[in-house]
Amino acid sequence: MSHSLTLPITGLKCDGCIRSLTRALEASPAIETATVTLDPPQAHIIFAGPALSKEDCALLIQRAGFETA
């Protein structure tokens, strides 16, 4: 069973933002896939193993230059 988390994101403005955040999230070995969308502005994260905490995911998002709503 895979664990997932969806977080609202602020600061997404274009396709470049989507690519940048997707790459940043998927660079984490704990994340299998990340789907980032503008409408609605969110990131849906599927974990490769045990789920990261919401706070850890928010930190990855902040390091990429975005915020969770």
PDB file of N, CA and C in Angstrom:
ATOM      1  N   MET A   1       0.845  -1.185   0.000  1.00  0.00           N
ATOM      2  CA  MET A   1       0.000   0.000   0.000  1.00  0.00           C
ATOM      3  C   MET A   1       0.889   1.246   0.000  1.00  0.00           C
ATOM      4  N   SER A   2       0.673   2.114  -0.953  1.00  0.00           N
ATOM      5  CA  SER A   2       1.478   3.334  -0.998  1.00  0.00           C
ATOM      6  C   SER A   2       0.780   4.441  -0.216  1.00  0.00           C
ATOM      7  N   HIS A   3       1.584   5.240   0.418  1.00  0.00           N
ATOM      8  CA  HIS A   3       1.080   6.373   1.186  1.00  0.00           C
ATOM      9  C   HIS A   3       1.167   7.611   0.313  1.00  0.00           C
ATOM     10  N   SER A   4       0.195   8.513   0.482  1.00  0.00           N
ATOM     11  CA  SER A   4       0.212   9.747  -0.303  1.00  0.00           C
ATOM     12  C   SER A   4      -0.262  10.909   0.558  1.00  0.00           C
ATOM     13  N   LEU A   5       0.017  12.097   0.055  1.00  0.00           N
ATOM     14  CA  LEU A   5      -0.340  13.331   0.739  1.00  0.00           C
ATOM     15  C   LEU A   5      -0.573  14.397  -0.319  1.00  0.00           C
ATOM     16  N   THR A   6      -1.612  15.200  -0.144  1.00  0.00           N
ATOM     17  CA  THR A   6      -1.865  16.329  -1.036  1.00  0.00           C
ATOM     18  C   THR A   6      -1.804  17.609  -0.213  1.00  0.00           C
ATOM     19  N   LEU A   7      -0.995  18.552  -0.685  1.00  0.00           N
ATOM     20  CA  LEU A   7      -0.817  19.826   0.014  1.00  0.00           C
ATOM     21  C   LEU A   7      -1.124  20.990  -0.917  1.00  0.00           C
ATOM     22  N   PRO A   8      -1.878  21.994  -0.444  1.00  0.00           N
ATOM     23  CA  PRO A   8      -2.071  23.205  -1.238  1.00  0.00           C
ATOM     24  C   PRO A   8      -0.767  24.003  -1.260  1.00  0.00           C
ATOM     25  N   ILE A   9      -0.470  24.611  -2.403  1.00  0.00           N
ATOM     26  CA  ILE A   9       0.790  25.340  -2.589  1.00  0.00           C
ATOM     27  C   ILE A   9       0.494  26.786  -2.978  1.00  0.00           C
ATOM     28  N   THR A  10       1.252  27.720  -2.416  1.00  0.00           N
ATOM     29  CA  THR A  10       1.169  29.113  -2.845  1.00  0.00           C
ATOM     30  C   THR A  10       2.467  29.468  -3.567  1.00  0.00           C
ATOM     31  N   GLY A  11       2.351  30.377  -4.523  1.00  0.00           N
ATOM     32  CA  GLY A  11       3.523  30.844  -5.256  1.00  0.00           C
ATOM     33  C   GLY A  11       3.705  30.211  -6.620  1.00  0.00           C
ATOM     34  N   LEU A  12       2.846  29.248  -6.979  1.00  0.00           N
ATOM     35  CA  LEU A  12       2.932  28.643  -8.311  1.00  0.00           C
ATOM     36  C   LEU A  12       2.349  29.606  -9.333  1.00  0.00           C
ATOM     37  N   LYS A  13       3.117  29.931 -10.370  1.00  0.00           N
ATOM     38  CA  LYS A  13       2.643  30.903 -11.349  1.00  0.00           C
ATOM     39  C   LYS A  13       2.670  30.406 -12.787  1.00  0.00           C
ATOM     40  N   CYS A  14       3.494  29.372 -13.069  1.00  0.00           N
ATOM     41  CA  CYS A  14       3.657  28.951 -14.464  1.00  0.00           C
ATOM     42  C   CYS A  14       4.113  27.497 -14.539  1.00  0.00           C
ATOM     43  N   ASP A  15       4.250  27.011 -15.766  1.00  0.00           N
ATOM     44  CA  ASP A  15       4.717  25.640 -15.971  1.00  0.00           C
ATOM     45  C   ASP A  15       6.137  25.442 -15.444  1.00  0.00           C
ATOM     46  N   GLY A  16       6.946  26.491 -15.504  1.00  0.00           N
ATOM     47  CA  GLY A  16       8.303  26.399 -14.962  1.00  0.00           C
ATOM     48  C   GLY A  16       8.288  26.149 -13.459  1.00  0.00           C
ATOM     49  N   CYS A  17       7.356  26.779 -12.763  1.00  0.00           N
ATOM     50  CA  CYS A  17       7.204  26.551 -11.320  1.00  0.00           C
ATOM     51  C   CYS A  17       6.830  25.099 -11.056  1.00  0.00           C
ATOM     52  N   ILE A  18       5.930  24.577 -11.866  1.00  0.00           N
ATOM     53  CA  ILE A  18       5.496  23.189 -11.710  1.00  0.00           C
ATOM     54  C   ILE A  18       6.684  22.248 -11.896  1.00  0.00           C
ATOM     55  N   ARG A  19       7.452  22.454 -12.962  1.00  0.00           N
ATOM     56  CA  ARG A  19       8.617  21.596 -13.219  1.00  0.00           C
ATOM     57  C   ARG A  19       9.640  21.699 -12.089  1.00  0.00           C
ATOM     58  N   SER A  20       9.890  22.910 -11.643  1.00  0.00           N
ATOM     59  CA  SER A  20      10.879  23.137 -10.592  1.00  0.00           C
ATOM     60  C   SER A  20      10.486  22.427  -9.295  1.00  0.00           C
ATOM     61  N   LEU A  21       9.240  22.587  -8.879  1.00  0.00           N
ATOM     62  CA  LEU A  21       8.793  21.964  -7.638  1.00  0.00           C
ATOM     63  C   LEU A  21       8.720  20.443  -7.784  1.00  0.00           C
ATOM     64  N   THR A  22       8.261  19.968  -8.928  1.00  0.00           N
ATOM     65  CA  THR A  22       8.201  18.519  -9.158  1.00  0.00           C
ATOM     66  C   THR A  22       9.594  17.908  -9.050  1.00  0.00           C
ATOM     67  N   ARG A  23      10.582  18.521  -9.705  1.00  0.00           N
ATOM     68  CA  ARG A  23      11.965  18.020  -9.643  1.00  0.00           C
ATOM     69  C   ARG A  23      12.497  18.039  -8.210  1.00  0.00           C
ATOM     70  N   ALA A  24      12.218  19.123  -7.496  1.00  0.00           N
ATOM     71  CA  ALA A  24      12.710  19.242  -6.119  1.00  0.00           C
ATOM     72  C   ALA A  24      12.113  18.152  -5.227  1.00  0.00           C
ATOM     73  N   LEU A  25      10.827  17.905  -5.367  1.00  0.00           N
ATOM     74  CA  LEU A  25      10.190  16.876  -4.545  1.00  0.00           C
ATOM     75  C   LEU A  25      10.680  15.483  -4.926  1.00  0.00           C
ATOM     76  N   GLU A  26      10.759  15.206  -6.213  1.00  0.00           N
ATOM     77  CA  GLU A  26      11.158  13.870  -6.662  1.00  0.00           C
ATOM     78  C   GLU A  26      12.645  13.594  -6.444  1.00  0.00           C
ATOM     79  N   ALA A  27      13.415  14.618  -6.099  1.00  0.00           N
ATOM     80  CA  ALA A  27      14.828  14.419  -5.764  1.00  0.00           C
ATOM     81  C   ALA A  27      14.982  13.734  -4.404  1.00  0.00           C
ATOM     82  N   SER A  28      13.939  13.781  -3.590  1.00  0.00           N
ATOM     83  CA  SER A  28      13.975  13.115  -2.293  1.00  0.00           C
ATOM     84  C   SER A  28      13.799  11.614  -2.483  1.00  0.00           C
ATOM     85  N   PRO A  29      14.684  10.801  -1.909  1.00  0.00           N
ATOM     86  CA  PRO A  29      14.537   9.355  -2.055  1.00  0.00           C
ATOM     87  C   PRO A  29      13.259   8.816  -1.412  1.00  0.00           C
ATOM     88  N   ALA A  30      12.647   9.590  -0.533  1.00  0.00           N
ATOM     89  CA  ALA A  30      11.419   9.152   0.137  1.00  0.00           C
ATOM     90  C   ALA A  30      10.183   9.332  -0.737  1.00  0.00           C
ATOM     91  N   ILE A  31      10.324  10.096  -1.838  1.00  0.00           N
ATOM     92  CA  ILE A  31       9.176  10.398  -2.694  1.00  0.00           C
ATOM     93  C   ILE A  31       9.297   9.643  -4.008  1.00  0.00           C
ATOM     94  N   GLU A  32       8.260   8.852  -4.310  1.00  0.00           N
ATOM     95  CA  GLU A  32       8.228   8.096  -5.565  1.00  0.00           C
ATOM     96  C   GLU A  32       7.831   9.003  -6.719  1.00  0.00           C
ATOM     97  N   THR A  33       6.700   9.695  -6.572  1.00  0.00           N
ATOM     98  CA  THR A  33       6.253  10.637  -7.600  1.00  0.00           C
ATOM     99  C   THR A  33       5.597  11.844  -6.944  1.00  0.00           C
ATOM    100  N   ALA A  34       5.684  12.961  -7.641  1.00  0.00           N
ATOM    101  CA  ALA A  34       5.010  14.182  -7.210  1.00  0.00           C
ATOM    102  C   ALA A  34       4.275  14.748  -8.418  1.00  0.00           C
ATOM    103  N   THR A  35       3.008  15.055  -8.234  1.00  0.00           N
ATOM    104  CA  THR A  35       2.208  15.682  -9.280  1.00  0.00           C
ATOM    105  C   THR A  35       1.824  17.067  -8.784  1.00  0.00           C
ATOM    106  N   VAL A  36       2.333  18.088  -9.466  1.00  0.00           N
ATOM    107  CA  VAL A  36       2.089  19.474  -9.076  1.00  0.00           C
ATOM    108  C   VAL A  36       1.189  20.105 -10.128  1.00  0.00           C
ATOM    109  N   THR A  37       0.140  20.812  -9.683  1.00  0.00           N
ATOM    110  CA  THR A  37      -0.809  21.443 -10.603  1.00  0.00           C
ATOM    111  C   THR A  37      -1.027  22.910 -10.236  1.00  0.00           C
ATOM    112  N   LEU A  38      -1.386  23.691 -11.268  1.00  0.00           N
ATOM    113  CA  LEU A  38      -1.722  25.104 -11.053  1.00  0.00           C
ATOM    114  C   LEU A  38      -3.174  25.291 -10.645  1.00  0.00           C
ATOM    115  N   ASP A  39      -4.063  24.452 -11.163  1.00  0.00           N
ATOM    116  CA  ASP A  39      -5.494  24.609 -10.899  1.00  0.00           C
ATOM    117  C   ASP A  39      -6.101  23.272 -10.525  1.00  0.00           C
ATOM    118  N   PRO A  40      -6.214  22.982  -9.266  1.00  0.00           N
ATOM    119  CA  PRO A  40      -5.872  23.829  -8.117  1.00  0.00           C
ATOM    120  C   PRO A  40      -4.363  23.804  -7.848  1.00  0.00           C
ATOM    121  N   PRO A  41      -3.855  24.854  -7.195  1.00  0.00           N
ATOM    122  CA  PRO A  41      -2.423  24.905  -6.894  1.00  0.00           C
ATOM    123  C   PRO A  41      -2.085  23.954  -5.741  1.00  0.00           C
ATOM    124  N   GLN A  42      -1.576  22.778  -6.098  1.00  0.00           N
ATOM    125  CA  GLN A  42      -1.306  21.770  -5.080  1.00  0.00           C
ATOM    126  C   GLN A  42      -0.227  20.806  -5.539  1.00  0.00           C
ATOM    127  N   ALA A  43       0.265  20.045  -4.580  1.00  0.00           N
ATOM    128  CA  ALA A  43       1.209  18.967  -4.860  1.00  0.00           C
ATOM    129  C   ALA A  43       0.637  17.688  -4.281  1.00  0.00           C
ATOM    130  N   HIS A  44       0.515  16.676  -5.127  1.00  0.00           N
ATOM    131  CA  HIS A  44       0.089  15.349  -4.677  1.00  0.00           C
ATOM    132  C   HIS A  44       1.340  14.484  -4.674  1.00  0.00           C
ATOM    133  N   ILE A  45       1.682  13.975  -3.513  1.00  0.00           N
ATOM    134  CA  ILE A  45       2.939  13.265  -3.310  1.00  0.00           C
ATOM    135  C   ILE A  45       2.650  11.803  -2.988  1.00  0.00           C
ATOM    136  N   ILE A  46       3.320  10.900  -3.705  1.00  0.00           N
ATOM    137  CA  ILE A  46       3.246   9.469  -3.410  1.00  0.00           C
ATOM    138  C   ILE A  46       4.620   9.050  -2.900  1.00  0.00           C
ATOM    139  N   PHE A  47       4.634   8.436  -1.747  1.00  0.00           N
ATOM    140  CA  PHE A  47       5.885   8.087  -1.086  1.00  0.00           C
ATOM    141  C   PHE A  47       6.400   6.728  -1.538  1.00  0.00           C
ATOM    142  N   ALA A  48       7.720   6.604  -1.584  1.00  0.00           N
ATOM    143  CA  ALA A  48       8.366   5.363  -2.006  1.00  0.00           C
ATOM    144  C   ALA A  48       8.343   4.316  -0.894  1.00  0.00           C
ATOM    145  N   GLY A  49       8.256   4.753   0.332  1.00  0.00           N
ATOM    146  CA  GLY A  49       8.237   3.862   1.495  1.00  0.00           C
ATOM    147  C   GLY A  49       7.383   4.505   2.563  1.00  0.00           C
ATOM    148  N   PRO A  50       7.863   4.507   3.789  1.00  0.00           N
ATOM    149  CA  PRO A  50       7.116   5.188   4.847  1.00  0.00           C
ATOM    150  C   PRO A  50       6.934   6.670   4.509  1.00  0.00           C
ATOM    151  N   ALA A  51       5.761   7.182   4.804  1.00  0.00           N
ATOM    152  CA  ALA A  51       5.434   8.568   4.464  1.00  0.00           C
ATOM    153  C   ALA A  51       6.259   9.551   5.290  1.00  0.00           C
ATOM    154  N   LEU A  52       6.669  10.634   4.641  1.00  0.00           N
ATOM    155  CA  LEU A  52       7.262  11.758   5.357  1.00  0.00           C
ATOM    156  C   LEU A  52       6.142  12.484   6.087  1.00  0.00           C
ATOM    157  N   SER A  53       6.476  13.219   7.116  1.00  0.00           N
ATOM    158  CA  SER A  53       5.468  14.018   7.806  1.00  0.00           C
ATOM    159  C   SER A  53       5.073  15.205   6.925  1.00  0.00           C
ATOM    160  N   LYS A  54       3.933  15.771   7.231  1.00  0.00           N
ATOM    161  CA  LYS A  54       3.473  16.963   6.514  1.00  0.00           C
ATOM    162  C   LYS A  54       4.500  18.084   6.662  1.00  0.00           C
ATOM    163  N   GLU A  55       5.089  18.188   7.840  1.00  0.00           N
ATOM    164  CA  GLU A  55       6.081  19.231   8.105  1.00  0.00           C
ATOM    165  C   GLU A  55       7.343  19.028   7.264  1.00  0.00           C
ATOM    166  N   ASP A  56       7.778  17.770   7.123  1.00  0.00           N
ATOM    167  CA  ASP A  56       8.956  17.487   6.296  1.00  0.00           C
ATOM    168  C   ASP A  56       8.689  17.820   4.832  1.00  0.00           C
ATOM    169  N   CYS A  57       7.482  17.505   4.362  1.00  0.00           N
ATOM    170  CA  CYS A  57       7.115  17.841   2.981  1.00  0.00           C
ATOM    171  C   CYS A  57       7.070  19.354   2.801  1.00  0.00           C
ATOM    172  N   ALA A  58       6.522  20.058   3.791  1.00  0.00           N
ATOM    173  CA  ALA A  58       6.460  21.519   3.722  1.00  0.00           C
ATOM    174  C   ALA A  58       7.866  22.110   3.654  1.00  0.00           C
ATOM    175  N   LEU A  59       8.811  21.515   4.365  1.00  0.00           N
ATOM    176  CA  LEU A  59      10.197  21.995   4.335  1.00  0.00           C
ATOM    177  C   LEU A  59      10.814  21.801   2.953  1.00  0.00           C
ATOM    178  N   LEU A  60      10.570  20.657   2.322  1.00  0.00           N
ATOM    179  CA  LEU A  60      11.057  20.434   0.954  1.00  0.00           C
ATOM    180  C   LEU A  60      10.467  21.470   0.002  1.00  0.00           C
ATOM    181  N   ILE A  61       9.192  21.763   0.168  1.00  0.00           N
ATOM    182  CA  ILE A  61       8.510  22.746  -0.683  1.00  0.00           C
ATOM    183  C   ILE A  61       9.098  24.135  -0.455  1.00  0.00           C
ATOM    184  N   GLN A  62       9.346  24.494   0.800  1.00  0.00           N
ATOM    185  CA  GLN A  62       9.937  25.799   1.113  1.00  0.00           C
ATOM    186  C   GLN A  62      11.343  25.921   0.534  1.00  0.00           C
ATOM    187  N   ARG A  63      12.120  24.861   0.609  1.00  0.00           N
ATOM    188  CA  ARG A  63      13.479  24.885   0.051  1.00  0.00           C
ATOM    189  C   ARG A  63      13.464  25.083  -1.459  1.00  0.00           C
ATOM    190  N   ALA A  64      12.360  24.694  -2.102  1.00  0.00           N
ATOM    191  CA  ALA A  64      12.221  24.876  -3.552  1.00  0.00           C
ATOM    192  C   ALA A  64      11.711  26.277  -3.893  1.00  0.00           C
ATOM    193  N   GLY A  65      11.382  27.079  -2.865  1.00  0.00           N
ATOM    194  CA  GLY A  65      10.957  28.455  -3.100  1.00  0.00           C
ATOM    195  C   GLY A  65       9.461  28.684  -3.084  1.00  0.00           C
ATOM    196  N   PHE A  66       8.716  27.711  -2.562  1.00  0.00           N
ATOM    197  CA  PHE A  66       7.259  27.828  -2.518  1.00  0.00           C
ATOM    198  C   PHE A  66       6.788  27.627  -1.083  1.00  0.00           C
ATOM    199  N   GLU A  67       5.507  27.808  -0.847  1.00  0.00           N
ATOM    200  CA  GLU A  67       4.932  27.660   0.488  1.00  0.00           C
ATOM    201  C   GLU A  67       3.708  26.762   0.424  1.00  0.00           C
ATOM    202  N   THR A  68       3.424  26.109   1.546  1.00  0.00           N
ATOM    203  CA  THR A  68       2.161  25.390   1.649  1.00  0.00           C
ATOM    204  C   THR A  68       1.129  26.360   2.203  1.00  0.00           C
ATOM    205  N   ALA A  69      -0.082  26.247   1.708  1.00  0.00           N
ATOM    206  CA  ALA A  69      -1.141  27.187   2.117  1.00  0.00           C
ATOM    207  C   ALA A  69      -1.699  26.818   3.474  1.00  0.00           C
TER     208      ALA A  69
END
